[in-house]
């Protein structure tokens, strides 16, 4: 028995005329809120609150941001501004060091020079002392 696999699952079905279910709910909610506000509140309050709600309803219903629904964009904005921002990496300005020169009046001391025979003799003495300590 074969089953038919839907081809375009990302496209929503039109339920109410030219509107999908989500578009209908957003528009109906915006119109409903505006109607209640019109009958309950004074006209200036209706005008001040009704226009932003109507604009938000239209944006939620029809305006995609980067090919994603406006509701997803709005949710991402709320999460971004509502949470604390922790930076894992932040470019820092390069630290500029000033070259400091010390002027000292100390006389340089001479580095003692030893011959190869003297160095060999010194290493032999150190080895013998180390062997005596370990026993």
C-alpha atoms as a PDB file:
ATOM      1  CA  UNK A   1       0.000   0.000   0.000  1.00  0.00           C
ATOM      2  CA  UNK A   2       1.456   3.312  -1.062  1.00  0.00           C
ATOM      3  CA  UNK A   3       0.977   6.565   0.766  1.00  0.00           C
ATOM      4  CA  UNK A   4       1.014   9.924  -0.932  1.00  0.00           C
ATOM      5  CA  UNK A   5       3.567  12.301   0.574  1.00  0.00           C
ATOM      6  CA  UNK A   6       2.568  15.982   0.609  1.00  0.00           C
ATOM      7  CA  UNK A   7       4.871  18.083  -1.553  1.00  0.00           C
ATOM      8  CA  UNK A   8       4.446  21.619  -0.227  1.00  0.00           C
ATOM      9  CA  UNK A   9       4.148  21.272   3.545  1.00  0.00           C
ATOM     10  CA  UNK A  10       5.571  24.741   4.257  1.00  0.00           C
ATOM     11  CA  UNK A  11       2.656  26.441   2.450  1.00  0.00           C
ATOM     12  CA  UNK A  12      -0.378  26.869   4.705  1.00  0.00           C
ATOM     13  CA  UNK A  13      -3.873  26.142   3.422  1.00  0.00           C
ATOM     14  CA  UNK A  14      -6.318  28.959   2.801  1.00  0.00           C
ATOM     15  CA  UNK A  15      -9.196  28.399   5.235  1.00  0.00           C
ATOM     16  CA  UNK A  16     -11.184  31.644   5.412  1.00  0.00           C
ATOM     17  CA  UNK A  17     -11.353  33.044   1.897  1.00  0.00           C
ATOM     18  CA  UNK A  18      -7.908  34.338   0.921  1.00  0.00           C
ATOM     19  CA  UNK A  19      -6.598  34.062   4.517  1.00  0.00           C
ATOM     20  CA  UNK A  20      -4.845  31.232   6.298  1.00  0.00           C
ATOM     21  CA  UNK A  21      -5.858  30.272   9.818  1.00  0.00           C
ATOM     22  CA  UNK A  22      -3.095  32.360  11.428  1.00  0.00           C
ATOM     23  CA  UNK A  23      -3.835  35.411   9.294  1.00  0.00           C
ATOM     24  CA  UNK A  24      -7.525  35.169  10.135  1.00  0.00           C
ATOM     25  CA  UNK A  25      -6.856  34.898  13.882  1.00  0.00           C
ATOM     26  CA  UNK A  26      -4.458  37.866  13.857  1.00  0.00           C
ATOM     27  CA  UNK A  27      -6.822  40.076  11.855  1.00  0.00           C
ATOM     28  CA  UNK A  28      -9.917  39.004  13.805  1.00  0.00           C
ATOM     29  CA  UNK A  29      -8.087  39.651  17.099  1.00  0.00           C
ATOM     30  CA  UNK A  30      -6.973  43.100  15.976  1.00  0.00           C
ATOM     31  CA  UNK A  31     -10.436  44.045  14.699  1.00  0.00           C
ATOM     32  CA  UNK A  32     -12.082  42.634  17.839  1.00  0.00           C
ATOM     33  CA  UNK A  33      -9.767  44.574  20.132  1.00  0.00           C
ATOM     34  CA  UNK A  34     -10.372  47.732  18.104  1.00  0.00           C
ATOM     35  CA  UNK A  35     -14.165  47.265  18.232  1.00  0.00           C
ATOM     36  CA  UNK A  36     -14.173  46.732  22.002  1.00  0.00           C
ATOM     37  CA  UNK A  37     -11.927  49.753  22.456  1.00  0.00           C
ATOM     38  CA  UNK A  38     -14.158  51.856  20.188  1.00  0.00           C
ATOM     39  CA  UNK A  39     -17.276  51.135  22.240  1.00  0.00           C
ATOM     40  CA  UNK A  40     -15.701  51.241  25.711  1.00  0.00           C
ATOM     41  CA  UNK A  41     -13.012  53.947  25.656  1.00  0.00           C
ATOM     42  CA  UNK A  42     -13.082  57.598  24.603  1.00  0.00           C
ATOM     43  CA  UNK A  43     -12.155  58.319  20.989  1.00  0.00           C
ATOM     44  CA  UNK A  44      -8.654  59.629  21.802  1.00  0.00           C
ATOM     45  CA  UNK A  45      -7.799  56.424  23.721  1.00  0.00           C
ATOM     46  CA  UNK A  46      -9.237  54.376  20.858  1.00  0.00           C
ATOM     47  CA  UNK A  47      -7.108  56.351  18.414  1.00  0.00           C
ATOM     48  CA  UNK A  48      -3.907  56.114  20.522  1.00  0.00           C
ATOM     49  CA  UNK A  49      -4.214  52.390  21.302  1.00  0.00           C
ATOM     50  CA  UNK A  50      -6.177  51.219  18.264  1.00  0.00           C
ATOM     51  CA  UNK A  51      -3.726  52.284  15.569  1.00  0.00           C
ATOM     52  CA  UNK A  52      -0.707  50.429  17.031  1.00  0.00           C
ATOM     53  CA  UNK A  53      -2.815  47.303  17.639  1.00  0.00           C
ATOM     54  CA  UNK A  54      -4.197  47.456  14.088  1.00  0.00           C
ATOM     55  CA  UNK A  55      -0.695  47.921  12.709  1.00  0.00           C
ATOM     56  CA  UNK A  56       0.597  45.007  14.765  1.00  0.00           C
ATOM     57  CA  UNK A  57      -2.271  42.801  13.571  1.00  0.00           C
ATOM     58  CA  UNK A  58      -1.532  43.633   9.933  1.00  0.00           C
ATOM     59  CA  UNK A  59       2.191  43.027  10.450  1.00  0.00           C
ATOM     60  CA  UNK A  60       1.557  39.695  12.159  1.00  0.00           C
ATOM     61  CA  UNK A  61      -0.794  38.608   9.394  1.00  0.00           C
ATOM     62  CA  UNK A  62       1.051  39.684   6.258  1.00  0.00           C
ATOM     63  CA  UNK A  63       4.632  40.911   6.785  1.00  0.00           C
ATOM     64  CA  UNK A  64       7.459  38.335   6.680  1.00  0.00           C
ATOM     65  CA  UNK A  65      10.931  39.254   7.927  1.00  0.00           C
ATOM     66  CA  UNK A  66      13.718  37.328   6.180  1.00  0.00           C
ATOM     67  CA  UNK A  67      11.140  34.830   4.841  1.00  0.00           C
ATOM     68  CA  UNK A  68       9.973  34.028   8.371  1.00  0.00           C
ATOM     69  CA  UNK A  69       6.710  35.084  10.024  1.00  0.00           C
ATOM     70  CA  UNK A  70       6.651  38.398  11.867  1.00  0.00           C
ATOM     71  CA  UNK A  71       5.592  36.560  15.038  1.00  0.00           C
ATOM     72  CA  UNK A  72       8.898  34.649  15.016  1.00  0.00           C
ATOM     73  CA  UNK A  73      10.790  37.903  14.521  1.00  0.00           C
ATOM     74  CA  UNK A  74       8.851  39.559  17.355  1.00  0.00           C
ATOM     75  CA  UNK A  75       9.545  36.604  19.651  1.00  0.00           C
ATOM     76  CA  UNK A  76      13.269  36.762  18.846  1.00  0.00           C
ATOM     77  CA  UNK A  77      13.347  40.497  19.602  1.00  0.00           C
ATOM     78  CA  UNK A  78      11.622  39.960  22.966  1.00  0.00           C
ATOM     79  CA  UNK A  79      14.017  37.159  23.938  1.00  0.00           C
ATOM     80  CA  UNK A  80      17.040  39.218  22.894  1.00  0.00           C
ATOM     81  CA  UNK A  81      16.074  42.319  24.862  1.00  0.00           C
ATOM     82  CA  UNK A  82      14.647  40.348  27.787  1.00  0.00           C
ATOM     83  CA  UNK A  83      17.675  38.185  28.495  1.00  0.00           C
ATOM     84  CA  UNK A  84      21.057  39.222  29.767  1.00  0.00           C
ATOM     85  CA  UNK A  85      23.687  39.410  27.079  1.00  0.00           C
ATOM     86  CA  UNK A  86      26.837  37.434  27.714  1.00  0.00           C
ATOM     87  CA  UNK A  87      29.614  37.957  25.256  1.00  0.00           C
ATOM     88  CA  UNK A  88      31.730  34.928  24.564  1.00  0.00           C
ATOM     89  CA  UNK A  89      34.172  36.931  22.520  1.00  0.00           C
ATOM     90  CA  UNK A  90      34.568  40.649  22.240  1.00  0.00           C
ATOM     91  CA  UNK A  91      37.277  42.275  20.177  1.00  0.00           C
ATOM     92  CA  UNK A  92      39.494  44.298  22.438  1.00  0.00           C
ATOM     93  CA  UNK A  93      41.485  47.328  21.490  1.00  0.00           C
ATOM     94  CA  UNK A  94      45.174  46.525  21.172  1.00  0.00           C
ATOM     95  CA  UNK A  95      47.169  47.513  24.218  1.00  0.00           C
ATOM     96  CA  UNK A  96      49.799  50.082  23.399  1.00  0.00           C
ATOM     97  CA  UNK A  97      52.922  49.845  25.480  1.00  0.00           C
ATOM     98  CA  UNK A  98      55.264  52.751  25.883  1.00  0.00           C
ATOM     99  CA  UNK A  99      58.897  51.863  25.652  1.00  0.00           C
ATOM    100  CA  UNK A 100      60.615  52.728  28.903  1.00  0.00           C
ATOM    101  CA  UNK A 101      64.334  53.319  29.002  1.00  0.00           C
ATOM    102  CA  UNK A 102      66.129  53.238  32.304  1.00  0.00           C
ATOM    103  CA  UNK A 103      69.214  55.317  32.573  1.00  0.00           C
ATOM    104  CA  UNK A 104      71.364  53.905  35.295  1.00  0.00           C
ATOM    105  CA  UNK A 105      74.805  54.947  36.377  1.00  0.00           C
ATOM    106  CA  UNK A 106      75.827  51.453  37.440  1.00  0.00           C
ATOM    107  CA  UNK A 107      79.036  50.239  35.903  1.00  0.00           C
ATOM    108  CA  UNK A 108      78.721  47.019  33.948  1.00  0.00           C
ATOM    109  CA  UNK A 109      80.515  44.075  35.468  1.00  0.00           C
ATOM    110  CA  UNK A 110      82.794  41.762  33.574  1.00  0.00           C
ATOM    111  CA  UNK A 111      81.608  38.279  32.699  1.00  0.00           C
ATOM    112  CA  UNK A 112      84.158  35.759  33.934  1.00  0.00           C
ATOM    113  CA  UNK A 113      85.747  33.694  31.187  1.00  0.00           C
ATOM    114  CA  UNK A 114      86.514  30.032  31.845  1.00  0.00           C
ATOM    115  CA  UNK A 115      88.365  27.599  29.684  1.00  0.00           C
ATOM    116  CA  UNK A 116      86.869  24.322  28.534  1.00  0.00           C
ATOM    117  CA  UNK A 117      89.175  22.450  30.909  1.00  0.00           C
ATOM    118  CA  UNK A 118      87.929  24.501  33.882  1.00  0.00           C
ATOM    119  CA  UNK A 119      84.267  23.877  32.979  1.00  0.00           C
ATOM    120  CA  UNK A 120      84.933  20.137  32.644  1.00  0.00           C
ATOM    121  CA  UNK A 121      86.642  20.076  36.042  1.00  0.00           C
ATOM    122  CA  UNK A 122      83.724  21.938  37.655  1.00  0.00           C
ATOM    123  CA  UNK A 123      81.147  19.558  36.175  1.00  0.00           C
ATOM    124  CA  UNK A 124      83.158  16.560  37.384  1.00  0.00           C
ATOM    125  CA  UNK A 125      83.218  17.941  40.936  1.00  0.00           C
ATOM    126  CA  UNK A 126      79.433  18.501  40.887  1.00  0.00           C
ATOM    127  CA  UNK A 127      78.818  14.946  39.674  1.00  0.00           C
ATOM    128  CA  UNK A 128      80.986  13.496  42.440  1.00  0.00           C
ATOM    129  CA  UNK A 129      79.146  15.534  45.110  1.00  0.00           C
ATOM    130  CA  UNK A 130      75.786  14.347  43.749  1.00  0.00           C
ATOM    131  CA  UNK A 131      76.910  10.709  43.857  1.00  0.00           C
ATOM    132  CA  UNK A 132      78.167  11.084  47.446  1.00  0.00           C
ATOM    133  CA  UNK A 133      74.842  12.630  48.577  1.00  0.00           C
ATOM    134  CA  UNK A 134      72.777   9.844  47.040  1.00  0.00           C
ATOM    135  CA  UNK A 135      74.759   7.143  48.889  1.00  0.00           C
END
